[in-house]
Amino acid sequence: MEIATELADLLRSVAEEHGVPGASAGVLVDGEVHAVGIGTTSVEHPQAVDSGTLFQVGSVSKTFTSAAVMQLVEAGSVDLDDPVARHLPDLGPATGLDTEAITVEHLLSHQAGFDGDHLFTSRRADDLTELADARRFFEPGAGVSYSNAGFSIAGAVIEAVAGEAFEDVVGRRLLRPLGMRTAGFRADAVITNKVAMPHLTLDDETFVLRGGGWQRGWELGRLDRAAGGLIASVDHLLRWCTFQLDGLADDGTALLSAESLERLHTPVVEVTPTERIGLDWFVDVIDGTTVIAHGGEAPGYLPDLTLVPEQAVGVVSTTNAVNGSPVTRAVRRWALDRFAGLTETDPEVDPTIAVDLDRLTGRYLHAFGWIDVTHADEPDHLRVEVTPRDDVAWQPPAQAPATIAPYGPRDLRSVDLGDNVRTYRFGLDEDGSPAAWIQPGYRRAPRVD
């Protein structure tokens, strides 16, 4: 069976099972790309999805931001150890952030130390001074918490150094040299192409999603583009996979050196027992082989990009539905097994690990909700429930409660959500005190009770 046919059959089966109207996926194998699309761009005005159909790719955009920063590093205009204040001298006085202590590397590795979703939850931000109200979690470099707003600052650094808008820098230095001519950040730049609309499925009925996100319109606002604003296709993301291997433009010009690519992909900080973060890339080791990846989420879109550098295997997928994660997961795991011989698995509960669960119970304040952790009915298990906050302007769809159990000394995972496994890390000190924070996935939420 041809690779494209096999991929299309898988994609169609999983998308139909989960009520996803449209999806596209592709693999890079032996220097060749195989890409397909299935389903429809919109349930209201349907067109067939293909590998050139444009989707919002959410936080996969951050890998473009990191690459743009590294181009400035190569040019000698920026150093990763530069304090943010060197390039944005007014930001610290305007926000109270310690921009002398926050470095460019902290921004790109999610170590800046403040609430990285504040700009999204406020929906008021026209400039970065809105971060004056962002909660502080830890001193810069003293922890890790996924930070969209950190990348908004990184985008501002790029603009300050390059002297032009972030999207123009990325377009001129990356998108166009790599042949991604239909990709962009603004609706008016992409609307003349085939674009997938965002969807939501409820009670087996699928709707086009309108007004459901943090942005005022369909595109992300200026401050959010460096964090998650790229609109691109699977064809574009497959080209991005190749670039991450060789650093070359279509004409053979080196856009990034091998050393810079290695720096982007090299782990900087641990975020879970199995995952570390480089300069935004998530780095895992599967069956002894290094895998780098980045997922994303925009309202109504779920993209995923995974690369096995030493085998030059890449896999990308994206969907136009809120409930698309089972699709991207199935494609990724199939491709890793089929072409790289790697079996991706979820962490296993370890009943031999002794954890004082009393230290973990309590209430925590997440950017998007109140997290209550209580003892579950099952011994040695906890229950996690999230109550939406009424003091933020936007929040994602509510999460179902989860029962969790330990797989590490301070790491627990869900046991009752099927394949949709969630992980939780707790901030524990050696003094036996209650956990100072919980980190569902990658975002920190401090204890409040």
Protein backbone atom coordinates (compact mmCIF):
# COMPACT_ATOMS: atom_id res chain seq x y z
CA MET A 1 0.00 0.00 0.00
CA GLU A 2 1.30 3.46 -0.87
CA ILE A 3 2.21 5.68 2.09
CA ALA A 4 -0.28 8.38 1.11
CA THR A 5 -3.11 5.85 0.81
CA GLU A 6 -2.28 4.28 4.16
CA LEU A 7 -2.11 7.70 5.81
CA ALA A 8 -5.40 8.85 4.27
CA ASP A 9 -7.19 5.69 5.42
CA LEU A 10 -5.97 6.22 8.98
CA LEU A 11 -6.78 9.90 8.98
CA ARG A 12 -10.29 9.38 7.61
CA SER A 13 -11.08 6.58 10.08
CA VAL A 14 -9.99 8.47 13.20
CA ALA A 15 -11.55 11.76 12.08
CA GLU A 16 -14.91 10.12 11.44
CA GLU A 17 -14.74 8.30 14.78
CA HIS A 18 -14.28 11.58 16.66
CA GLY A 19 -16.54 13.82 14.60
CA VAL A 20 -13.75 15.93 13.09
CA PRO A 21 -14.94 17.52 9.81
CA GLY A 22 -11.55 18.08 8.19
CA ALA A 23 -7.92 17.09 8.67
CA SER A 24 -4.63 17.05 6.84
CA ALA A 25 -1.44 15.13 7.57
CA GLY A 26 1.91 14.26 6.08
CA VAL A 27 5.18 12.47 6.67
CA LEU A 28 8.77 13.16 5.65
CA VAL A 29 10.57 9.88 4.94
CA ASP A 30 13.81 9.27 3.04
CA GLY A 31 13.83 12.86 1.85
CA GLU A 32 10.36 12.56 0.30
CA VAL A 33 7.08 13.99 1.53
CA HIS A 34 3.74 12.22 1.49
CA ALA A 35 0.76 14.40 2.35
CA VAL A 36 -3.01 14.04 2.25
CA GLY A 37 -6.18 15.80 3.28
CA ILE A 38 -9.60 14.41 4.11
CA GLY A 39 -13.01 15.86 4.89
CA THR A 40 -14.24 19.37 4.47
CA THR A 41 -13.01 22.89 5.18
CA SER A 42 -16.42 23.95 6.51
CA VAL A 43 -19.72 22.26 7.26
CA GLU A 44 -21.47 25.40 6.01
CA HIS A 45 -19.58 26.04 2.75
CA PRO A 46 -17.70 22.81 2.13
CA GLN A 47 -14.57 22.39 0.07
CA ALA A 48 -12.35 19.33 0.12
CA VAL A 49 -9.36 19.58 2.46
CA ASP A 50 -6.00 18.87 0.83
CA SER A 51 -2.39 19.19 1.96
CA GLY A 52 -2.29 22.83 0.84
CA THR A 53 -5.34 23.87 2.86
CA LEU A 54 -4.49 26.54 5.43
CA PHE A 55 -5.12 26.05 9.16
CA GLN A 56 -4.22 28.12 12.17
CA VAL A 57 -1.25 26.21 13.60
CA GLY A 58 -1.32 27.73 17.09
CA SER A 59 1.81 27.31 19.17
CA VAL A 60 3.73 25.57 16.40
CA SER A 61 4.26 29.24 15.48
CA LYS A 62 6.68 29.50 18.41
CA THR A 63 9.22 27.37 16.56
CA PHE A 64 9.29 30.03 13.82
CA THR A 65 9.77 32.74 16.46
CA SER A 66 12.70 30.86 17.98
CA ALA A 67 14.27 30.39 14.56
CA ALA A 68 13.90 34.12 13.83
CA VAL A 69 15.65 34.93 17.11
CA MET A 70 18.49 32.55 16.24
CA GLN A 71 18.93 34.33 12.91
CA LEU A 72 19.45 37.55 14.86
CA VAL A 73 21.88 35.72 17.15
CA GLU A 74 23.88 34.58 14.11
CA ALA A 75 23.89 38.16 12.83
CA GLY A 76 25.33 39.35 16.14
CA SER A 77 22.31 41.54 16.91
CA VAL A 78 21.07 39.46 19.85
CA ASP A 79 22.64 37.14 22.38
CA LEU A 80 20.61 34.48 24.15
CA ASP A 81 22.02 35.75 27.45
CA ASP A 82 20.89 39.32 26.74
CA PRO A 83 18.54 40.74 29.36
CA VAL A 84 15.23 41.75 27.82
CA ALA A 85 15.89 45.29 29.07
CA ARG A 86 18.74 45.62 26.57
CA HIS A 87 16.28 45.51 23.68
CA LEU A 88 13.06 46.70 25.37
CA PRO A 89 14.25 49.29 27.91
CA ASP A 90 10.75 50.65 28.60
CA LEU A 91 9.09 47.30 29.33
CA GLY A 92 10.39 46.84 32.87
CA PRO A 93 9.40 50.31 34.15
CA ALA A 94 5.97 49.97 32.48
CA THR A 95 5.15 46.50 33.85
CA GLY A 96 7.27 45.91 36.93
CA LEU A 97 8.71 42.77 35.33
CA ASP A 98 12.38 42.24 36.14
CA THR A 99 13.55 42.63 32.56
CA GLU A 100 17.15 42.92 33.75
CA ALA A 101 16.89 39.35 35.06
CA ILE A 102 14.72 37.87 32.29
CA THR A 103 16.95 36.85 29.39
CA VAL A 104 16.10 36.04 25.78
CA GLU A 105 16.79 32.38 26.55
CA HIS A 106 14.31 32.51 29.44
CA LEU A 107 11.64 33.71 27.02
CA LEU A 108 12.30 30.94 24.51
CA SER A 109 12.51 28.17 27.13
CA HIS A 110 9.46 29.22 29.20
CA GLN A 111 11.49 30.25 32.24
CA ALA A 112 10.52 33.96 32.48
CA GLY A 113 8.55 33.33 35.68
CA PHE A 114 5.23 35.14 35.19
CA ASP A 115 1.71 34.10 34.12
CA GLY A 116 2.19 33.32 30.45
CA ASP A 117 -1.51 33.32 29.60
CA HIS A 118 -2.31 36.73 31.05
CA LEU A 119 -2.62 38.48 27.69
CA PHE A 120 -5.07 35.82 26.53
CA THR A 121 -7.24 35.87 29.63
CA SER A 122 -7.48 39.66 29.78
CA ARG A 123 -8.41 40.21 26.11
CA ARG A 124 -7.75 43.91 26.73
CA ALA A 125 -4.13 44.05 25.66
CA ASP A 126 -3.09 46.45 22.94
CA ASP A 127 0.51 46.52 24.15
CA LEU A 128 2.74 44.68 26.58
CA THR A 129 2.04 47.07 29.46
CA GLU A 130 -0.93 44.80 30.20
CA LEU A 131 1.62 42.45 31.78
CA ALA A 132 1.80 44.77 34.78
CA ASP A 133 -1.09 42.71 36.18
CA ALA A 134 0.39 39.29 35.36
CA ARG A 135 0.98 37.04 38.35
CA ARG A 136 4.60 36.26 39.23
CA PHE A 137 5.29 32.55 39.76
CA PHE A 138 9.04 32.33 40.34
CA GLU A 139 12.25 34.27 39.81
CA PRO A 140 13.44 34.24 36.18
CA GLY A 141 15.30 31.04 35.48
CA ALA A 142 14.18 29.37 38.72
CA GLY A 143 11.37 27.26 37.23
CA VAL A 144 9.42 26.50 34.10
CA SER A 145 5.84 27.30 33.10
CA TYR A 146 4.58 27.42 29.53
CA SER A 147 4.42 31.07 28.53
CA ASN A 148 2.55 32.50 25.58
CA ALA A 149 3.23 36.02 26.82
CA GLY A 150 6.94 35.24 26.98
CA PHE A 151 6.82 34.72 23.24
CA SER A 152 4.88 37.94 22.82
CA ILE A 153 7.88 39.63 24.44
CA ALA A 154 10.24 37.66 22.18
CA GLY A 155 8.27 38.94 19.17
CA ALA A 156 8.70 42.49 20.47
CA VAL A 157 12.47 41.90 20.80
CA ILE A 158 12.56 40.77 17.17
CA GLU A 159 10.67 43.90 16.11
CA ALA A 160 12.95 46.19 18.12
CA VAL A 161 16.12 44.68 16.71
CA ALA A 162 14.96 44.23 13.11
CA GLY A 163 13.08 47.52 12.91
CA GLU A 164 9.97 46.03 11.31
CA ALA A 165 6.81 44.15 12.28
CA PHE A 166 7.26 40.60 13.57
CA GLU A 167 5.19 39.02 10.80
CA ASP A 168 7.18 40.90 8.16
CA VAL A 169 10.47 39.65 9.63
CA VAL A 170 9.29 36.03 9.65
CA GLY A 171 7.79 36.39 6.19
CA ARG A 172 10.93 37.87 4.65
CA ARG A 173 13.52 35.78 6.46
CA LEU A 174 11.77 32.41 6.74
CA LEU A 175 8.42 31.93 4.99
CA ARG A 176 9.31 33.24 1.54
CA PRO A 177 12.84 31.74 1.36
CA LEU A 178 11.30 28.37 2.26
CA GLY A 179 8.60 28.65 -0.40
CA MET A 180 5.75 29.08 2.09
CA ARG A 181 4.18 31.84 0.02
CA THR A 182 0.56 31.21 1.02
CA ALA A 183 1.35 31.13 4.76
CA GLY A 184 0.88 34.26 6.84
CA PHE A 185 -0.41 35.84 10.02
CA ARG A 186 -3.29 38.04 8.83
CA ALA A 187 -6.65 37.13 7.41
CA ASP A 188 -6.25 39.53 4.51
CA ALA A 189 -3.00 37.76 3.55
CA VAL A 190 -4.51 34.26 3.40
CA ILE A 191 -8.20 34.71 2.59
CA THR A 192 -7.71 34.26 -1.17
CA ASN A 193 -6.47 30.69 -0.54
CA LYS A 194 -8.31 27.59 0.64
CA VAL A 195 -8.71 28.00 4.41
CA ALA A 196 -10.20 25.53 6.90
CA MET A 197 -12.78 27.00 9.26
CA PRO A 198 -12.76 26.15 13.00
CA HIS A 199 -15.42 23.78 14.34
CA LEU A 200 -16.93 22.49 17.55
CA THR A 201 -18.77 19.16 17.90
CA LEU A 202 -21.48 18.86 20.57
CA ASP A 203 -23.97 16.04 20.95
CA ASP A 204 -22.92 14.58 17.58
CA GLU A 205 -23.61 17.87 15.78
CA THR A 206 -20.79 19.96 14.32
CA PHE A 207 -20.85 23.75 14.13
CA VAL A 208 -18.56 26.38 12.70
CA LEU A 209 -17.00 28.04 15.76
CA ARG A 210 -17.52 31.80 15.91
CA GLY A 211 -16.39 34.15 18.66
CA GLY A 212 -15.01 31.26 20.66
CA GLY A 213 -11.42 32.32 21.18
CA TRP A 214 -9.27 34.88 22.91
CA GLN A 215 -8.80 37.00 19.79
CA ARG A 216 -11.24 39.68 18.69
CA GLY A 217 -11.60 38.23 15.19
CA TRP A 218 -10.53 35.10 13.35
CA GLU A 219 -6.84 35.99 13.17
CA LEU A 220 -4.74 36.46 16.29
CA GLY A 221 -3.90 40.00 17.33
CA ARG A 222 -0.53 41.66 16.89
CA LEU A 223 0.78 40.75 20.34
CA ASP A 224 -0.19 37.09 20.01
CA ARG A 225 1.32 36.35 16.59
CA ALA A 226 4.75 35.34 17.86
CA ALA A 227 3.09 32.99 20.34
CA GLY A 228 0.56 31.33 18.07
CA GLY A 229 -0.59 33.33 15.07
CA LEU A 230 0.76 31.51 12.01
CA ILE A 231 -1.71 30.29 9.39
CA ALA A 232 -0.13 27.52 7.31
CA SER A 233 -0.67 24.17 5.61
CA VAL A 234 0.66 20.67 6.14
CA ASP A 235 2.78 21.19 3.02
CA HIS A 236 4.34 24.22 4.73
CA LEU A 237 4.98 22.32 7.96
CA LEU A 238 6.62 19.45 6.09
CA ARG A 239 8.93 22.01 4.49
CA TRP A 240 9.61 23.31 8.02
CA CYS A 241 10.62 19.78 9.07
CA THR A 242 13.19 19.66 6.29
CA PHE A 243 14.51 23.08 7.29
CA GLN A 244 14.98 21.87 10.87
CA LEU A 245 17.31 19.21 9.48
CA ASP A 246 19.43 21.26 7.05
CA GLY A 247 18.78 24.98 7.70
CA LEU A 248 18.62 25.69 3.96
CA ALA A 249 16.34 27.89 1.86
CA ASP A 250 14.87 26.63 -1.39
CA ASP A 251 17.79 28.12 -3.33
CA GLY A 252 20.36 26.41 -1.12
CA THR A 253 21.19 29.49 0.96
CA ALA A 254 21.88 28.74 4.61
CA LEU A 255 19.22 30.44 6.74
CA LEU A 256 20.51 28.86 9.96
CA SER A 257 23.73 27.00 10.68
CA ALA A 258 23.87 23.43 11.97
CA GLU A 259 25.13 24.83 15.28
CA SER A 260 22.11 27.12 15.61
CA LEU A 261 19.70 24.31 14.81
CA GLU A 262 21.38 22.13 17.43
CA ARG A 263 21.06 24.95 19.96
CA LEU A 264 17.34 25.24 19.24
CA HIS A 265 16.86 21.51 19.75
CA THR A 266 19.10 21.05 22.82
CA PRO A 267 17.24 20.62 26.14
CA VAL A 268 17.43 23.54 28.55
CA VAL A 269 15.03 22.61 31.36
CA GLU A 270 12.94 19.61 32.49
CA VAL A 271 9.17 20.05 32.37
CA THR A 272 8.02 16.46 33.11
CA PRO A 273 9.96 13.29 33.96
CA THR A 274 10.00 12.37 30.26
CA GLU A 275 10.05 15.75 28.51
CA ARG A 276 12.48 18.64 28.44
CA ILE A 277 12.29 21.96 26.65
CA GLY A 278 14.92 23.40 24.36
CA LEU A 279 14.48 26.79 22.75
CA ASP A 280 10.77 26.11 22.63
CA TRP A 281 11.10 22.62 21.12
CA PHE A 282 9.89 19.83 23.39
CA VAL A 283 12.54 17.12 23.57
CA ASP A 284 11.75 13.51 24.46
CA VAL A 285 13.66 10.24 24.26
CA ILE A 286 11.63 7.33 22.89
CA ASP A 287 13.24 3.90 22.78
CA GLY A 288 16.62 5.57 23.15
CA THR A 289 16.07 7.97 20.26
CA THR A 290 15.69 11.76 20.59
CA VAL A 291 12.40 13.15 19.31
CA ILE A 292 11.61 16.86 19.09
CA ALA A 293 8.08 18.12 18.79
CA HIS A 294 5.64 20.94 19.20
CA GLY A 295 1.88 20.86 19.35
CA GLY A 296 -0.54 23.72 19.26
CA GLU A 297 -4.07 24.78 19.97
CA ALA A 298 -6.05 27.63 18.54
CA PRO A 299 -9.82 27.89 18.97
CA GLY A 300 -11.11 25.20 16.62
CA TYR A 301 -7.70 23.95 15.46
CA LEU A 302 -5.35 21.23 16.77
CA PRO A 303 -1.97 20.92 14.97
CA ASP A 304 1.00 18.69 15.79
CA LEU A 305 4.57 18.51 14.46
CA THR A 306 7.07 15.79 15.44
CA LEU A 307 10.58 15.19 14.11
CA VAL A 308 13.13 12.42 14.61
CA PRO A 309 16.31 14.24 13.57
CA GLU A 310 18.74 11.33 13.50
CA GLN A 311 16.44 9.37 11.18
CA ALA A 312 15.24 12.44 9.21
CA VAL A 313 11.63 11.40 9.81
CA GLY A 314 8.96 14.04 10.28
CA VAL A 315 5.21 13.85 10.84
CA VAL A 316 2.70 16.68 10.87
CA SER A 317 -1.05 16.83 11.16
CA THR A 318 -3.77 19.34 11.84
CA THR A 319 -7.53 19.38 12.26
CA ASN A 320 -10.24 22.00 12.10
CA ALA A 321 -12.06 20.98 15.28
CA VAL A 322 -11.69 21.53 19.02
CA ASN A 323 -11.87 17.76 19.52
CA GLY A 324 -9.06 16.95 17.09
CA SER A 325 -6.35 15.74 19.48
CA PRO A 326 -7.18 11.99 19.07
CA VAL A 327 -6.59 12.44 15.33
CA THR A 328 -3.19 14.08 15.62
CA ARG A 329 -2.12 11.58 18.30
CA ALA A 330 -3.09 8.60 16.13
CA VAL A 331 -1.21 9.97 13.13
CA ARG A 332 1.91 10.73 15.18
CA ARG A 333 2.05 7.33 16.84
CA TRP A 334 1.41 5.49 13.59
CA ALA A 335 4.16 7.40 11.78
CA LEU A 336 6.72 7.04 14.58
CA ASP A 337 6.15 3.28 14.64
CA ARG A 338 5.90 2.85 10.87
CA PHE A 339 8.89 4.93 9.78
CA ALA A 340 11.15 5.32 12.82
CA GLY A 341 10.46 2.09 14.69
CA LEU A 342 9.56 4.04 17.83
CA THR A 343 6.67 3.27 20.18
CA GLU A 344 5.32 6.31 21.95
CA THR A 345 3.54 5.42 25.18
CA ASP A 346 1.97 7.30 28.05
CA PRO A 347 3.62 7.19 31.51
CA GLU A 348 2.52 4.20 33.55
CA VAL A 349 1.18 4.46 37.09
CA ASP A 350 3.74 3.03 39.53
CA PRO A 351 2.08 1.66 42.70
CA THR A 352 5.49 1.22 44.37
CA ILE A 353 6.06 4.98 44.54
CA ALA A 354 5.15 6.33 47.97
CA VAL A 355 3.68 9.84 47.79
CA ASP A 356 2.10 11.67 50.72
CA LEU A 357 -1.11 12.57 48.91
CA ASP A 358 -2.23 14.80 51.78
CA ARG A 359 0.48 17.26 50.74
CA LEU A 360 -1.06 17.53 47.27
CA THR A 361 -4.70 18.16 48.18
CA GLY A 362 -5.98 21.72 48.19
CA ARG A 363 -7.05 24.52 45.86
CA TYR A 364 -4.84 26.03 43.16
CA LEU A 365 -5.40 29.07 40.95
CA HIS A 366 -4.81 28.40 37.26
CA ALA A 367 -4.93 31.10 34.59
CA PHE A 368 -8.23 29.64 33.39
CA GLY A 369 -9.85 28.13 36.48
CA TRP A 370 -9.82 27.00 40.11
CA ILE A 371 -8.24 23.56 40.47
CA ASP A 372 -9.44 21.51 43.43
CA VAL A 373 -7.45 18.41 44.36
CA THR A 374 -9.13 16.00 46.79
CA HIS A 375 -8.79 12.37 47.79
CA ALA A 376 -10.52 9.99 45.39
CA ASP A 377 -12.64 7.02 46.35
CA GLU A 378 -9.84 4.69 45.22
CA PRO A 379 -6.92 4.28 47.66
CA ASP A 380 -3.72 6.10 46.66
CA HIS A 381 -5.58 8.20 44.08
CA LEU A 382 -6.61 11.85 43.90
CA ARG A 383 -9.45 13.66 42.19
CA VAL A 384 -8.87 16.82 40.13
CA GLU A 385 -11.76 19.13 39.28
CA VAL A 386 -11.59 22.49 37.52
CA THR A 387 -14.12 25.26 38.13
CA PRO A 388 -14.10 28.07 35.54
CA ARG A 389 -13.02 31.46 36.84
CA ASP A 390 -15.48 34.33 36.61
CA ASP A 391 -12.80 37.02 36.77
CA VAL A 392 -11.13 36.41 33.40
CA ALA A 393 -12.43 37.49 30.02
CA TRP A 394 -11.78 34.23 28.18
CA GLN A 395 -11.21 30.60 29.04
CA PRO A 396 -11.10 27.34 27.07
CA PRO A 397 -13.85 24.71 27.22
CA ALA A 398 -14.21 23.19 30.68
CA GLN A 399 -12.24 20.03 31.39
CA ALA A 400 -13.87 16.89 32.71
CA PRO A 401 -12.83 15.83 36.23
CA ALA A 402 -9.98 13.33 36.40
CA THR A 403 -8.81 10.66 38.80
CA ILE A 404 -5.02 10.66 39.05
CA ALA A 405 -2.30 8.40 40.45
CA PRO A 406 1.50 8.67 40.82
CA TYR A 407 4.02 7.69 38.18
CA GLY A 408 6.85 9.64 39.82
CA PRO A 409 7.68 11.15 43.23
CA ARG A 410 5.86 14.38 42.32
CA ASP A 411 4.18 13.47 39.05
CA LEU A 412 0.72 11.97 38.60
CA ARG A 413 -1.37 11.04 35.57
CA SER A 414 -5.04 10.54 34.83
CA VAL A 415 -6.37 6.99 34.90
CA ASP A 416 -9.98 7.44 33.79
CA LEU A 417 -9.83 9.54 30.62
CA GLY A 418 -8.92 6.79 28.16
CA ASP A 419 -6.28 7.80 25.61
CA ASN A 420 -6.62 11.47 26.58
CA VAL A 421 -3.99 11.18 29.31
CA ARG A 422 -3.27 14.28 31.39
CA THR A 423 -0.18 14.70 33.56
CA TYR A 424 0.21 16.77 36.72
CA ARG A 425 3.43 17.84 38.41
CA PHE A 426 3.38 19.18 41.98
CA GLY A 427 5.80 21.63 43.57
CA LEU A 428 7.13 19.80 46.62
CA ASP A 429 9.85 20.96 48.99
CA GLU A 430 11.91 18.64 51.18
CA ASP A 431 10.50 20.16 54.39
CA GLY A 432 7.26 18.18 54.15
CA SER A 433 5.07 21.24 53.56
CA PRO A 434 2.01 21.18 51.26
CA ALA A 435 2.67 21.41 47.54
CA ALA A 436 3.24 25.03 46.55
CA TRP A 437 1.82 24.56 43.05
CA ILE A 438 0.33 22.16 40.56
CA GLN A 439 1.33 22.03 36.93
CA PRO A 440 -1.31 20.41 34.72
CA GLY A 441 0.53 19.75 31.49
CA TYR A 442 3.03 22.58 31.34
CA ARG A 443 1.32 25.57 33.05
CA ARG A 444 1.92 26.32 36.71
CA ALA A 445 -0.95 27.10 39.10
CA PRO A 446 0.04 28.28 42.62
CA ARG A 447 -1.69 26.98 45.75
CA VAL A 448 -4.25 29.35 47.27
CA ASP A 449 -5.68 27.10 49.99
